[in-house]
Amino acid sequence: MTESPTHRPPALQERSRRSQQDILRAGYALLEEGGSDALTVAAVAERAGMAVGSVYRRFGDKEGLLLAIQHAFTENLEAEITQRLSMKRLRILRDPAVAIAEAVGAFIDALQAHEALLRVFFLLGTRHEAVRTEGSRASTNGNRRFAEALAHVPVAHADRAAALDFAYRLMYATIAHRITQGELMESYRPLPWHELRSHLQTATISYLLSAPQSS
């Protein structure tokens, strides 16, 4: 009778966990180096130092492997964003502008730190429905975290939820565009990451804290 994963000895469970992490790290590296075309079961197995059959048994074909890699990556990214946001610290900040700047900065820093992998998944999501769906799940979760992080901040708009939603969309879309298209897509004027970060913080603060003018 085959042992279920939950009834395996602890040493075997730990070995299995390490093997899975080795496979995922190999997948991350291949995607960063060569994009989705570089990701094959054979290449991952070679990079991870294990038999091709071991990868197939765990993930099936390339499609299953790709989606498993993306899911693990987005879960780790969500956890990193949550850690960077530091809800406890944000809630004790008395200046709303400082709280907004820190929340925006936390998101930007997390996305920039993983821009190589995000570029692969952003671009692949334009033609791969399952990849797009997983990316949308992660980004909408980020939207919720952003609103939760700024729950204590006064917003100068009648529809608070809509204002926070737009602020997140503005920030996220700008960063996604930078990651996929680079610095000089729409202008010959350089705009390094640190400057883009500062401008997005200023723009978000101004939008959320300034009352909209009546038309």
N, C-alpha and C. Protein backbone atom coordinates (compact mmCIF):
# COMPACT_ATOMS: atom_id res chain seq x y z
N MET A 1 0.84 -1.19 0.00
CA MET A 1 0.00 0.00 0.00
C MET A 1 0.88 1.25 0.00
N THR A 2 0.56 2.22 -0.85
CA THR A 2 1.36 3.43 -0.97
C THR A 2 1.06 4.37 0.19
N GLU A 3 2.13 4.93 0.77
CA GLU A 3 1.95 5.87 1.88
C GLU A 3 1.48 7.21 1.34
N SER A 4 0.50 7.82 2.01
CA SER A 4 0.09 9.16 1.63
C SER A 4 1.12 10.14 2.14
N PRO A 5 1.22 11.36 1.51
CA PRO A 5 2.20 12.36 1.95
C PRO A 5 2.11 12.67 3.43
N THR A 6 0.88 12.63 3.99
CA THR A 6 0.72 13.01 5.40
C THR A 6 1.21 11.92 6.35
N HIS A 7 1.40 10.68 5.81
CA HIS A 7 1.86 9.58 6.65
C HIS A 7 3.31 9.21 6.37
N ARG A 8 3.99 9.99 5.57
CA ARG A 8 5.41 9.73 5.34
C ARG A 8 6.20 10.11 6.58
N PRO A 9 7.32 9.42 6.81
CA PRO A 9 8.19 9.81 7.92
C PRO A 9 8.65 11.25 7.76
N PRO A 10 8.89 11.96 8.86
CA PRO A 10 9.30 13.37 8.77
C PRO A 10 10.50 13.61 7.87
N ALA A 11 11.49 12.70 7.91
CA ALA A 11 12.68 12.88 7.09
C ALA A 11 12.33 12.86 5.60
N LEU A 12 11.40 11.97 5.21
CA LEU A 12 10.98 11.92 3.81
C LEU A 12 10.18 13.15 3.42
N GLN A 13 9.34 13.61 4.33
CA GLN A 13 8.57 14.82 4.05
C GLN A 13 9.50 16.01 3.84
N GLU A 14 10.53 16.13 4.68
CA GLU A 14 11.48 17.23 4.56
C GLU A 14 12.27 17.13 3.26
N ARG A 15 12.68 15.91 2.90
CA ARG A 15 13.40 15.72 1.65
C ARG A 15 12.52 16.09 0.46
N SER A 16 11.24 15.72 0.52
CA SER A 16 10.31 16.05 -0.55
C SER A 16 10.12 17.56 -0.66
N ARG A 17 10.03 18.22 0.50
CA ARG A 17 9.86 19.67 0.50
C ARG A 17 11.07 20.36 -0.12
N ARG A 18 12.26 19.88 0.25
CA ARG A 18 13.49 20.48 -0.30
C ARG A 18 13.58 20.26 -1.80
N SER A 19 13.19 19.07 -2.25
CA SER A 19 13.21 18.79 -3.68
C SER A 19 12.27 19.71 -4.44
N GLN A 20 11.09 19.92 -3.87
CA GLN A 20 10.13 20.81 -4.52
C GLN A 20 10.67 22.24 -4.57
N GLN A 21 11.31 22.69 -3.50
CA GLN A 21 11.90 24.03 -3.49
C GLN A 21 13.02 24.13 -4.52
N ASP A 22 13.81 23.07 -4.66
CA ASP A 22 14.88 23.08 -5.66
C ASP A 22 14.31 23.22 -7.07
N ILE A 23 13.21 22.52 -7.33
CA ILE A 23 12.56 22.61 -8.64
C ILE A 23 12.04 24.02 -8.89
N LEU A 24 11.38 24.60 -7.89
CA LEU A 24 10.83 25.94 -8.05
C LEU A 24 11.94 26.96 -8.27
N ARG A 25 13.04 26.85 -7.50
CA ARG A 25 14.14 27.80 -7.68
C ARG A 25 14.76 27.66 -9.06
N ALA A 26 14.86 26.42 -9.54
CA ALA A 26 15.39 26.21 -10.89
C ALA A 26 14.46 26.85 -11.93
N GLY A 27 13.16 26.72 -11.72
CA GLY A 27 12.20 27.33 -12.63
C GLY A 27 12.29 28.84 -12.62
N TYR A 28 12.41 29.43 -11.43
CA TYR A 28 12.57 30.89 -11.33
C TYR A 28 13.78 31.35 -12.15
N ALA A 29 14.90 30.66 -11.95
CA ALA A 29 16.14 31.06 -12.62
C ALA A 29 16.01 30.98 -14.14
N LEU A 30 15.42 29.89 -14.63
CA LEU A 30 15.27 29.73 -16.08
C LEU A 30 14.35 30.79 -16.67
N LEU A 31 13.27 31.10 -15.98
CA LEU A 31 12.35 32.12 -16.47
C LEU A 31 13.01 33.49 -16.49
N GLU A 32 13.78 33.80 -15.46
CA GLU A 32 14.47 35.09 -15.40
C GLU A 32 15.52 35.21 -16.50
N GLU A 33 16.18 34.11 -16.79
CA GLU A 33 17.27 34.14 -17.76
C GLU A 33 16.79 34.13 -19.21
N GLY A 34 15.73 33.35 -19.48
CA GLY A 34 15.34 33.17 -20.89
C GLY A 34 13.87 33.27 -21.18
N GLY A 35 13.07 33.66 -20.19
CA GLY A 35 11.64 33.77 -20.42
C GLY A 35 10.97 32.41 -20.48
N SER A 36 9.70 32.40 -20.87
CA SER A 36 8.92 31.16 -20.84
C SER A 36 9.45 30.11 -21.80
N ASP A 37 10.12 30.51 -22.88
CA ASP A 37 10.66 29.54 -23.83
C ASP A 37 11.78 28.71 -23.20
N ALA A 38 12.45 29.27 -22.21
CA ALA A 38 13.57 28.56 -21.58
C ALA A 38 13.09 27.52 -20.57
N LEU A 39 11.81 27.58 -20.21
CA LEU A 39 11.28 26.66 -19.20
C LEU A 39 10.81 25.37 -19.85
N THR A 40 11.56 24.31 -19.64
CA THR A 40 11.15 22.98 -20.05
C THR A 40 11.35 22.05 -18.86
N VAL A 41 10.65 20.94 -18.86
CA VAL A 41 10.80 19.99 -17.76
C VAL A 41 12.24 19.49 -17.69
N ALA A 42 12.84 19.22 -18.85
CA ALA A 42 14.22 18.73 -18.88
C ALA A 42 15.19 19.76 -18.33
N ALA A 43 15.00 21.02 -18.72
CA ALA A 43 15.91 22.08 -18.27
C ALA A 43 15.79 22.29 -16.76
N VAL A 44 14.56 22.23 -16.25
CA VAL A 44 14.36 22.39 -14.81
C VAL A 44 14.99 21.23 -14.05
N ALA A 45 14.81 20.02 -14.56
CA ALA A 45 15.39 18.86 -13.90
C ALA A 45 16.91 18.96 -13.86
N GLU A 46 17.49 19.36 -14.98
CA GLU A 46 18.95 19.49 -15.02
C GLU A 46 19.44 20.56 -14.05
N ARG A 47 18.76 21.71 -14.04
CA ARG A 47 19.16 22.80 -13.14
C ARG A 47 18.98 22.41 -11.68
N ALA A 48 17.94 21.64 -11.40
CA ALA A 48 17.67 21.24 -10.01
C ALA A 48 18.49 20.02 -9.59
N GLY A 49 19.16 19.37 -10.55
CA GLY A 49 19.99 18.22 -10.23
C GLY A 49 19.19 16.98 -9.89
N MET A 50 18.11 16.75 -10.64
CA MET A 50 17.31 15.55 -10.39
C MET A 50 16.81 14.96 -11.70
N ALA A 51 16.21 13.79 -11.62
CA ALA A 51 15.75 13.10 -12.83
C ALA A 51 14.52 13.80 -13.41
N VAL A 52 14.42 13.75 -14.73
CA VAL A 52 13.27 14.34 -15.42
C VAL A 52 11.97 13.72 -14.90
N GLY A 53 12.00 12.39 -14.67
CA GLY A 53 10.80 11.72 -14.20
C GLY A 53 10.30 12.25 -12.87
N SER A 54 11.21 12.70 -12.01
CA SER A 54 10.81 13.25 -10.72
C SER A 54 10.00 14.52 -10.89
N VAL A 55 10.39 15.35 -11.85
CA VAL A 55 9.66 16.59 -12.11
C VAL A 55 8.30 16.28 -12.71
N TYR A 56 8.25 15.34 -13.64
CA TYR A 56 6.97 14.96 -14.25
C TYR A 56 6.01 14.40 -13.20
N ARG A 57 6.54 13.59 -12.28
CA ARG A 57 5.66 13.00 -11.26
C ARG A 57 5.06 14.07 -10.35
N ARG A 58 5.80 15.12 -10.11
CA ARG A 58 5.31 16.17 -9.21
C ARG A 58 4.38 17.16 -9.91
N PHE A 59 4.71 17.51 -11.14
CA PHE A 59 3.99 18.62 -11.79
C PHE A 59 3.33 18.26 -13.11
N GLY A 60 3.55 17.07 -13.61
CA GLY A 60 2.98 16.73 -14.90
C GLY A 60 3.81 17.34 -16.02
N ASP A 61 3.17 18.01 -16.96
CA ASP A 61 3.88 18.57 -18.11
C ASP A 61 4.38 19.99 -17.82
N LYS A 62 4.89 20.64 -18.87
CA LYS A 62 5.42 22.00 -18.73
C LYS A 62 4.35 22.97 -18.24
N GLU A 63 3.12 22.78 -18.71
CA GLU A 63 2.02 23.66 -18.30
C GLU A 63 1.81 23.60 -16.79
N GLY A 64 1.75 22.39 -16.26
CA GLY A 64 1.57 22.24 -14.82
C GLY A 64 2.73 22.82 -14.04
N LEU A 65 3.93 22.63 -14.56
CA LEU A 65 5.13 23.16 -13.91
C LEU A 65 5.11 24.68 -13.91
N LEU A 66 4.78 25.28 -15.04
CA LEU A 66 4.73 26.74 -15.15
C LEU A 66 3.73 27.32 -14.16
N LEU A 67 2.54 26.75 -14.09
CA LEU A 67 1.51 27.29 -13.21
C LEU A 67 1.87 27.09 -11.74
N ALA A 68 2.55 25.99 -11.42
CA ALA A 68 2.99 25.77 -10.05
C ALA A 68 4.05 26.79 -9.66
N ILE A 69 4.95 27.08 -10.59
CA ILE A 69 5.99 28.08 -10.33
C ILE A 69 5.36 29.45 -10.13
N GLN A 70 4.41 29.80 -11.00
CA GLN A 70 3.76 31.11 -10.86
C GLN A 70 3.01 31.21 -9.55
N HIS A 71 2.28 30.16 -9.19
CA HIS A 71 1.50 30.21 -7.95
C HIS A 71 2.41 30.37 -6.73
N ALA A 72 3.50 29.62 -6.70
CA ALA A 72 4.44 29.74 -5.59
C ALA A 72 5.04 31.14 -5.55
N PHE A 73 5.38 31.67 -6.71
CA PHE A 73 5.96 33.01 -6.79
C PHE A 73 4.97 34.07 -6.30
N THR A 74 3.73 34.02 -6.76
CA THR A 74 2.76 35.05 -6.36
C THR A 74 2.43 34.95 -4.87
N GLU A 75 2.38 33.74 -4.33
CA GLU A 75 2.14 33.61 -2.89
C GLU A 75 3.29 34.22 -2.09
N ASN A 76 4.52 33.96 -2.53
CA ASN A 76 5.67 34.54 -1.84
C ASN A 76 5.68 36.07 -1.97
N LEU A 77 5.30 36.56 -3.15
CA LEU A 77 5.27 38.00 -3.36
C LEU A 77 4.20 38.66 -2.48
N GLU A 78 3.04 38.03 -2.38
CA GLU A 78 1.98 38.55 -1.51
C GLU A 78 2.45 38.61 -0.06
N ALA A 79 3.15 37.57 0.38
CA ALA A 79 3.66 37.55 1.75
C ALA A 79 4.70 38.65 1.96
N GLU A 80 5.52 38.88 0.96
CA GLU A 80 6.54 39.93 1.07
C GLU A 80 5.89 41.31 1.13
N ILE A 81 4.87 41.53 0.32
CA ILE A 81 4.17 42.82 0.34
C ILE A 81 3.54 43.05 1.71
N THR A 82 2.90 42.02 2.25
CA THR A 82 2.30 42.13 3.57
C THR A 82 3.34 42.49 4.63
N GLN A 83 4.50 41.87 4.54
CA GLN A 83 5.57 42.16 5.49
C GLN A 83 6.09 43.58 5.33
N ARG A 84 6.28 44.00 4.08
CA ARG A 84 6.79 45.35 3.82
C ARG A 84 5.78 46.41 4.27
N LEU A 85 4.49 46.12 4.14
CA LEU A 85 3.47 47.11 4.50
C LEU A 85 3.49 47.42 5.99
N SER A 86 3.74 46.43 6.82
CA SER A 86 3.82 46.62 8.27
C SER A 86 2.61 47.41 8.78
N MET A 87 1.45 46.74 8.78
CA MET A 87 0.19 47.38 9.17
C MET A 87 0.30 48.05 10.55
N LYS A 88 0.98 47.38 11.46
CA LYS A 88 1.11 47.93 12.82
C LYS A 88 1.78 49.28 12.80
N ARG A 89 2.85 49.41 12.01
CA ARG A 89 3.55 50.70 11.93
C ARG A 89 2.69 51.75 11.24
N LEU A 90 2.02 51.36 10.15
CA LEU A 90 1.21 52.33 9.41
C LEU A 90 0.11 52.92 10.29
N ARG A 91 -0.46 52.09 11.16
CA ARG A 91 -1.59 52.55 11.97
C ARG A 91 -1.18 53.57 13.04
N ILE A 92 0.11 53.61 13.40
CA ILE A 92 0.53 54.57 14.43
C ILE A 92 1.07 55.87 13.84
N LEU A 93 1.16 55.91 12.50
CA LEU A 93 1.64 57.14 11.87
C LEU A 93 0.55 58.20 11.93
N ARG A 94 0.88 59.37 12.44
CA ARG A 94 -0.12 60.42 12.60
C ARG A 94 -0.33 61.22 11.31
N ASP A 95 0.67 61.28 10.48
CA ASP A 95 0.57 62.07 9.25
C ASP A 95 0.03 61.18 8.13
N PRO A 96 -1.17 61.47 7.61
CA PRO A 96 -1.73 60.63 6.54
C PRO A 96 -0.83 60.56 5.32
N ALA A 97 -0.16 61.65 4.99
CA ALA A 97 0.71 61.66 3.82
C ALA A 97 1.87 60.69 3.98
N VAL A 98 2.40 60.59 5.18
CA VAL A 98 3.50 59.66 5.44
C VAL A 98 3.01 58.23 5.32
N ALA A 99 1.82 57.96 5.84
CA ALA A 99 1.26 56.60 5.76
C ALA A 99 1.04 56.20 4.30
N ILE A 100 0.50 57.10 3.50
CA ILE A 100 0.27 56.81 2.08
C ILE A 100 1.60 56.57 1.37
N ALA A 101 2.57 57.43 1.65
CA ALA A 101 3.88 57.29 1.01
C ALA A 101 4.51 55.94 1.36
N GLU A 102 4.39 55.52 2.60
CA GLU A 102 4.97 54.24 3.00
C GLU A 102 4.25 53.07 2.34
N ALA A 103 2.93 53.13 2.25
CA ALA A 103 2.16 52.06 1.61
C ALA A 103 2.52 51.94 0.13
N VAL A 104 2.56 53.07 -0.55
CA VAL A 104 2.92 53.07 -1.97
C VAL A 104 4.35 52.56 -2.15
N GLY A 105 5.26 53.05 -1.32
CA GLY A 105 6.64 52.62 -1.41
C GLY A 105 6.82 51.13 -1.19
N ALA A 106 6.04 50.57 -0.26
CA ALA A 106 6.14 49.14 0.03
C ALA A 106 5.78 48.30 -1.19
N PHE A 107 4.70 48.69 -1.87
CA PHE A 107 4.29 47.96 -3.07
C PHE A 107 5.32 48.11 -4.17
N ILE A 108 5.78 49.33 -4.41
CA ILE A 108 6.73 49.57 -5.49
C ILE A 108 8.02 48.79 -5.24
N ASP A 109 8.52 48.82 -4.01
CA ASP A 109 9.77 48.14 -3.70
C ASP A 109 9.66 46.63 -3.91
N ALA A 110 8.52 46.06 -3.52
CA ALA A 110 8.33 44.61 -3.69
C ALA A 110 8.27 44.25 -5.17
N LEU A 111 7.55 45.02 -5.96
CA LEU A 111 7.42 44.72 -7.38
C LEU A 111 8.74 44.93 -8.10
N GLN A 112 9.45 46.00 -7.77
CA GLN A 112 10.74 46.24 -8.41
C GLN A 112 11.73 45.13 -8.09
N ALA A 113 11.70 44.64 -6.86
CA ALA A 113 12.64 43.60 -6.45
C ALA A 113 12.49 42.32 -7.27
N HIS A 114 11.33 42.13 -7.87
CA HIS A 114 11.07 40.90 -8.63
C HIS A 114 10.69 41.21 -10.07
N GLU A 115 11.23 42.29 -10.61
CA GLU A 115 10.77 42.74 -11.93
C GLU A 115 11.08 41.73 -13.03
N ALA A 116 12.17 40.98 -12.93
CA ALA A 116 12.50 40.04 -14.00
C ALA A 116 11.44 38.95 -14.14
N LEU A 117 11.03 38.35 -13.02
CA LEU A 117 9.99 37.32 -13.09
C LEU A 117 8.63 37.92 -13.40
N LEU A 118 8.35 39.08 -12.83
CA LEU A 118 7.07 39.72 -13.13
C LEU A 118 6.94 40.05 -14.61
N ARG A 119 8.03 40.46 -15.23
CA ARG A 119 7.98 40.76 -16.66
C ARG A 119 7.55 39.52 -17.44
N VAL A 120 8.11 38.38 -17.10
CA VAL A 120 7.75 37.14 -17.78
C VAL A 120 6.26 36.85 -17.62
N PHE A 121 5.75 36.94 -16.40
CA PHE A 121 4.35 36.58 -16.16
C PHE A 121 3.39 37.64 -16.71
N PHE A 122 3.75 38.92 -16.62
CA PHE A 122 2.92 39.97 -17.20
C PHE A 122 2.74 39.75 -18.71
N LEU A 123 3.84 39.53 -19.39
CA LEU A 123 3.78 39.38 -20.85
C LEU A 123 3.13 38.05 -21.23
N LEU A 124 3.44 36.99 -20.50
CA LEU A 124 2.82 35.70 -20.81
C LEU A 124 1.32 35.73 -20.57
N GLY A 125 0.89 36.51 -19.58
CA GLY A 125 -0.53 36.61 -19.27
C GLY A 125 -1.37 37.22 -20.38
N THR A 126 -0.73 37.93 -21.31
CA THR A 126 -1.49 38.52 -22.43
C THR A 126 -1.95 37.46 -23.43
N ARG A 127 -1.35 36.25 -23.34
CA ARG A 127 -1.74 35.20 -24.29
C ARG A 127 -2.03 33.86 -23.61
N HIS A 128 -1.93 33.83 -22.30
CA HIS A 128 -2.12 32.57 -21.57
C HIS A 128 -3.15 32.83 -20.47
N GLU A 129 -4.35 32.31 -20.64
CA GLU A 129 -5.47 32.65 -19.76
C GLU A 129 -5.22 32.24 -18.32
N ALA A 130 -4.68 31.06 -18.09
CA ALA A 130 -4.46 30.60 -16.72
C ALA A 130 -3.42 31.47 -16.01
N VAL A 131 -2.40 31.89 -16.72
CA VAL A 131 -1.39 32.78 -16.14
C VAL A 131 -2.02 34.13 -15.82
N ARG A 132 -2.84 34.64 -16.73
CA ARG A 132 -3.51 35.92 -16.49
C ARG A 132 -4.43 35.84 -15.28
N THR A 133 -5.15 34.73 -15.14
CA THR A 133 -6.07 34.56 -14.03
C THR A 133 -5.34 34.57 -12.69
N GLU A 134 -4.23 33.85 -12.62
CA GLU A 134 -3.45 33.82 -11.38
C GLU A 134 -2.85 35.20 -11.08
N GLY A 135 -2.38 35.89 -12.11
CA GLY A 135 -1.85 37.23 -11.92
C GLY A 135 -2.92 38.20 -11.44
N SER A 136 -4.12 38.07 -11.99
CA SER A 136 -5.23 38.93 -11.57
C SER A 136 -5.60 38.66 -10.12
N ARG A 137 -5.60 37.38 -9.73
CA ARG A 137 -5.89 37.04 -8.33
C ARG A 137 -4.91 37.72 -7.38
N ALA A 138 -3.64 37.64 -7.72
CA ALA A 138 -2.61 38.22 -6.86
C ALA A 138 -2.71 39.74 -6.81
N SER A 139 -2.94 40.36 -7.96
CA SER A 139 -2.97 41.83 -7.99
C SER A 139 -4.23 42.38 -7.31
N THR A 140 -5.36 41.68 -7.42
CA THR A 140 -6.56 42.14 -6.73
C THR A 140 -6.44 41.92 -5.22
N ASN A 141 -5.72 40.88 -4.82
CA ASN A 141 -5.42 40.73 -3.39
C ASN A 141 -4.56 41.89 -2.90
N GLY A 142 -3.64 42.33 -3.75
CA GLY A 142 -2.83 43.49 -3.41
C GLY A 142 -3.68 44.74 -3.25
N ASN A 143 -4.69 44.88 -4.09
CA ASN A 143 -5.62 46.00 -4.00
C ASN A 143 -6.30 46.01 -2.62
N ARG A 144 -6.74 44.83 -2.19
CA ARG A 144 -7.39 44.71 -0.89
C ARG A 144 -6.42 45.07 0.25
N ARG A 145 -5.19 44.58 0.16
CA ARG A 145 -4.20 44.88 1.20
C ARG A 145 -3.90 46.37 1.25
N PHE A 146 -3.84 47.00 0.09
CA PHE A 146 -3.57 48.44 0.02
C PHE A 146 -4.67 49.20 0.75
N ALA A 147 -5.93 48.84 0.49
CA ALA A 147 -7.06 49.51 1.15
C ALA A 147 -7.03 49.26 2.66
N GLU A 148 -6.70 48.04 3.06
CA GLU A 148 -6.63 47.72 4.49
C GLU A 148 -5.52 48.50 5.17
N ALA A 149 -4.40 48.64 4.49
CA ALA A 149 -3.26 49.35 5.08
C ALA A 149 -3.58 50.83 5.32
N LEU A 150 -4.47 51.38 4.49
CA LEU A 150 -4.80 52.80 4.62
C LEU A 150 -6.20 53.01 5.19
N ALA A 151 -6.70 52.02 5.90
CA ALA A 151 -8.06 52.10 6.44
C ALA A 151 -8.22 53.25 7.42
N HIS A 152 -7.14 53.66 8.07
CA HIS A 152 -7.21 54.72 9.09
C HIS A 152 -6.96 56.11 8.50
N VAL A 153 -6.63 56.17 7.22
CA VAL A 153 -6.26 57.45 6.60
C VAL A 153 -7.50 58.15 6.06
N PRO A 154 -7.69 59.43 6.39
CA PRO A 154 -8.83 60.17 5.83
C PRO A 154 -8.63 60.40 4.34
N VAL A 155 -9.68 60.18 3.57
CA VAL A 155 -9.62 60.34 2.12
C VAL A 155 -10.61 61.42 1.71
N ALA A 156 -10.15 62.36 0.89
CA ALA A 156 -10.97 63.53 0.52
C ALA A 156 -11.86 63.23 -0.68
N HIS A 157 -12.55 62.10 -0.64
CA HIS A 157 -13.47 61.74 -1.72
C HIS A 157 -14.71 61.13 -1.10
N ALA A 158 -15.85 61.42 -1.69
CA ALA A 158 -17.11 60.89 -1.14
C ALA A 158 -17.14 59.37 -1.17
N ASP A 159 -16.63 58.79 -2.24
CA ASP A 159 -16.59 57.33 -2.36
C ASP A 159 -15.17 56.87 -2.02
N ARG A 160 -14.97 56.59 -0.76
CA ARG A 160 -13.65 56.21 -0.28
C ARG A 160 -13.10 54.97 -0.98
N ALA A 161 -13.92 53.94 -1.09
CA ALA A 161 -13.48 52.68 -1.70
C ALA A 161 -13.06 52.89 -3.15
N ALA A 162 -13.82 53.68 -3.88
CA ALA A 162 -13.49 53.94 -5.28
C ALA A 162 -12.19 54.73 -5.40
N ALA A 163 -11.97 55.67 -4.49
CA ALA A 163 -10.76 56.48 -4.52
C ALA A 163 -9.52 55.62 -4.25
N LEU A 164 -9.61 54.75 -3.24
CA LEU A 164 -8.48 53.87 -2.95
C LEU A 164 -8.24 52.87 -4.08
N ASP A 165 -9.32 52.40 -4.68
CA ASP A 165 -9.21 51.49 -5.81
C ASP A 165 -8.48 52.17 -6.97
N PHE A 166 -8.85 53.42 -7.26
CA PHE A 166 -8.20 54.13 -8.36
C PHE A 166 -6.73 54.40 -8.04
N ALA A 167 -6.45 54.79 -6.80
CA ALA A 167 -5.06 55.05 -6.41
C ALA A 167 -4.20 53.81 -6.61
N TYR A 168 -4.73 52.66 -6.22
CA TYR A 168 -3.99 51.40 -6.40
C TYR A 168 -3.80 51.10 -7.89
N ARG A 169 -4.88 51.26 -8.67
CA ARG A 169 -4.78 51.01 -10.11
C ARG A 169 -3.73 51.90 -10.76
N LEU A 170 -3.71 53.17 -10.37
CA LEU A 170 -2.74 54.12 -10.92
C LEU A 170 -1.32 53.64 -10.63
N MET A 171 -1.07 53.29 -9.38
CA MET A 171 0.26 52.83 -8.98
C MET A 171 0.62 51.52 -9.69
N TYR A 172 -0.28 50.54 -9.64
CA TYR A 172 0.02 49.22 -10.17
C TYR A 172 0.21 49.27 -11.68
N ALA A 173 -0.65 49.98 -12.38
CA ALA A 173 -0.55 50.05 -13.83
C ALA A 173 0.75 50.73 -14.26
N THR A 174 1.15 51.76 -13.54
CA THR A 174 2.38 52.46 -13.88
C THR A 174 3.59 51.55 -13.70
N ILE A 175 3.61 50.81 -12.59
CA ILE A 175 4.73 49.91 -12.34
C ILE A 175 4.73 48.74 -13.32
N ALA A 176 3.56 48.19 -13.62
CA ALA A 176 3.49 47.09 -14.59
C ALA A 176 3.99 47.55 -15.96
N HIS A 177 3.64 48.78 -16.33
CA HIS A 177 4.10 49.33 -17.61
C HIS A 177 5.62 49.48 -17.60
N ARG A 178 6.17 49.99 -16.50
CA ARG A 178 7.62 50.15 -16.41
C ARG A 178 8.31 48.79 -16.53
N ILE A 179 7.78 47.79 -15.85
CA ILE A 179 8.40 46.47 -15.84
C ILE A 179 8.36 45.83 -17.23
N THR A 180 7.25 45.97 -17.93
CA THR A 180 7.12 45.31 -19.23
C THR A 180 7.74 46.11 -20.38
N GLN A 181 7.71 47.45 -20.29
CA GLN A 181 8.12 48.27 -21.42
C GLN A 181 9.43 49.03 -21.20
N GLY A 182 9.90 49.09 -19.97
CA GLY A 182 11.16 49.77 -19.72
C GLY A 182 10.99 51.24 -19.43
N GLU A 183 12.12 51.90 -19.26
CA GLU A 183 12.14 53.29 -18.79
C GLU A 183 11.81 54.32 -19.87
N LEU A 184 12.12 54.01 -21.13
CA LEU A 184 12.07 55.04 -22.17
C LEU A 184 11.01 54.75 -23.24
N MET A 185 9.99 53.98 -22.90
CA MET A 185 8.96 53.64 -23.88
C MET A 185 8.21 54.87 -24.36
N GLU A 186 7.83 55.75 -23.43
CA GLU A 186 6.98 56.88 -23.81
C GLU A 186 7.70 58.22 -23.75
N SER A 187 8.99 58.22 -23.44
CA SER A 187 9.74 59.48 -23.33
C SER A 187 11.23 59.19 -23.45
N TYR A 188 11.96 60.18 -24.00
CA TYR A 188 13.42 60.07 -24.05
C TYR A 188 14.05 60.56 -22.75
N ARG A 189 13.23 61.12 -21.87
CA ARG A 189 13.75 61.62 -20.60
C ARG A 189 13.89 60.46 -19.62
N PRO A 190 15.10 60.23 -19.09
CA PRO A 190 15.28 59.14 -18.12
C PRO A 190 14.43 59.35 -16.87
N LEU A 191 13.91 58.28 -16.32
CA LEU A 191 13.15 58.34 -15.08
C LEU A 191 13.51 57.10 -14.26
N PRO A 192 14.61 57.17 -13.51
CA PRO A 192 15.05 56.02 -12.73
C PRO A 192 13.99 55.56 -11.74
N TRP A 193 14.14 54.33 -11.26
CA TRP A 193 13.16 53.75 -10.35
C TRP A 193 12.93 54.64 -9.12
N HIS A 194 14.01 55.15 -8.53
CA HIS A 194 13.82 55.92 -7.30
C HIS A 194 13.04 57.19 -7.54
N GLU A 195 13.18 57.78 -8.73
CA GLU A 195 12.41 58.98 -9.05
C GLU A 195 10.96 58.62 -9.35
N LEU A 196 10.76 57.53 -10.08
CA LEU A 196 9.40 57.09 -10.35
C LEU A 196 8.66 56.80 -9.05
N ARG A 197 9.35 56.15 -8.13
CA ARG A 197 8.78 55.84 -6.80
C ARG A 197 8.35 57.13 -6.10
N SER A 198 9.22 58.12 -6.09
CA SER A 198 8.91 59.38 -5.41
C SER A 198 7.73 60.09 -6.05
N HIS A 199 7.70 60.12 -7.38
CA HIS A 199 6.61 60.80 -8.08
C HIS A 199 5.27 60.09 -7.85
N LEU A 200 5.29 58.76 -7.83
CA LEU A 200 4.05 58.03 -7.59
C LEU A 200 3.56 58.25 -6.15
N GLN A 201 4.46 58.34 -5.22
CA GLN A 201 4.07 58.64 -3.83
C GLN A 201 3.41 60.02 -3.77
N THR A 202 4.03 61.01 -4.40
CA THR A 202 3.49 62.37 -4.39
C THR A 202 2.12 62.42 -5.07
N ALA A 203 2.01 61.76 -6.23
CA ALA A 203 0.75 61.77 -6.97
C ALA A 203 -0.37 61.09 -6.18
N THR A 204 -0.06 59.99 -5.51
CA THR A 204 -1.08 59.26 -4.74
C THR A 204 -1.51 60.08 -3.53
N ILE A 205 -0.57 60.70 -2.87
CA ILE A 205 -0.90 61.55 -1.72
C ILE A 205 -1.81 62.69 -2.16
N SER A 206 -1.44 63.35 -3.24
CA SER A 206 -2.22 64.48 -3.74
C SER A 206 -3.64 64.04 -4.12
N TYR A 207 -3.74 62.91 -4.79
CA TYR A 207 -5.06 62.45 -5.21
C TYR A 207 -5.95 62.09 -4.03
N LEU A 208 -5.41 61.34 -3.08
CA LEU A 208 -6.24 60.86 -1.98
C LEU A 208 -6.58 61.96 -0.95
N LEU A 209 -5.69 62.91 -0.76
CA LEU A 209 -5.90 63.90 0.30
C LEU A 209 -6.45 65.23 -0.18
N SER A 210 -6.49 65.44 -1.49
CA SER A 210 -7.01 66.70 -2.04
C SER A 210 -8.45 66.49 -2.50
N ALA A 211 -9.32 67.35 -2.04
CA ALA A 211 -10.73 67.25 -2.42
C ALA A 211 -10.88 67.53 -3.92
N PRO A 212 -11.63 66.69 -4.64
CA PRO A 212 -11.82 66.93 -6.07
C PRO A 212 -12.62 68.19 -6.32
N GLN A 213 -12.25 68.94 -7.34
CA GLN A 213 -12.95 70.16 -7.68
C GLN A 213 -14.25 69.81 -8.39
N SER A 214 -15.29 70.54 -8.04
CA SER A 214 -16.58 70.31 -8.70
C SER A 214 -16.54 70.84 -10.11
N SER A 215 -17.18 70.11 -11.03
CA SER A 215 -17.18 70.53 -12.42
C SER A 215 -18.25 71.59 -12.68
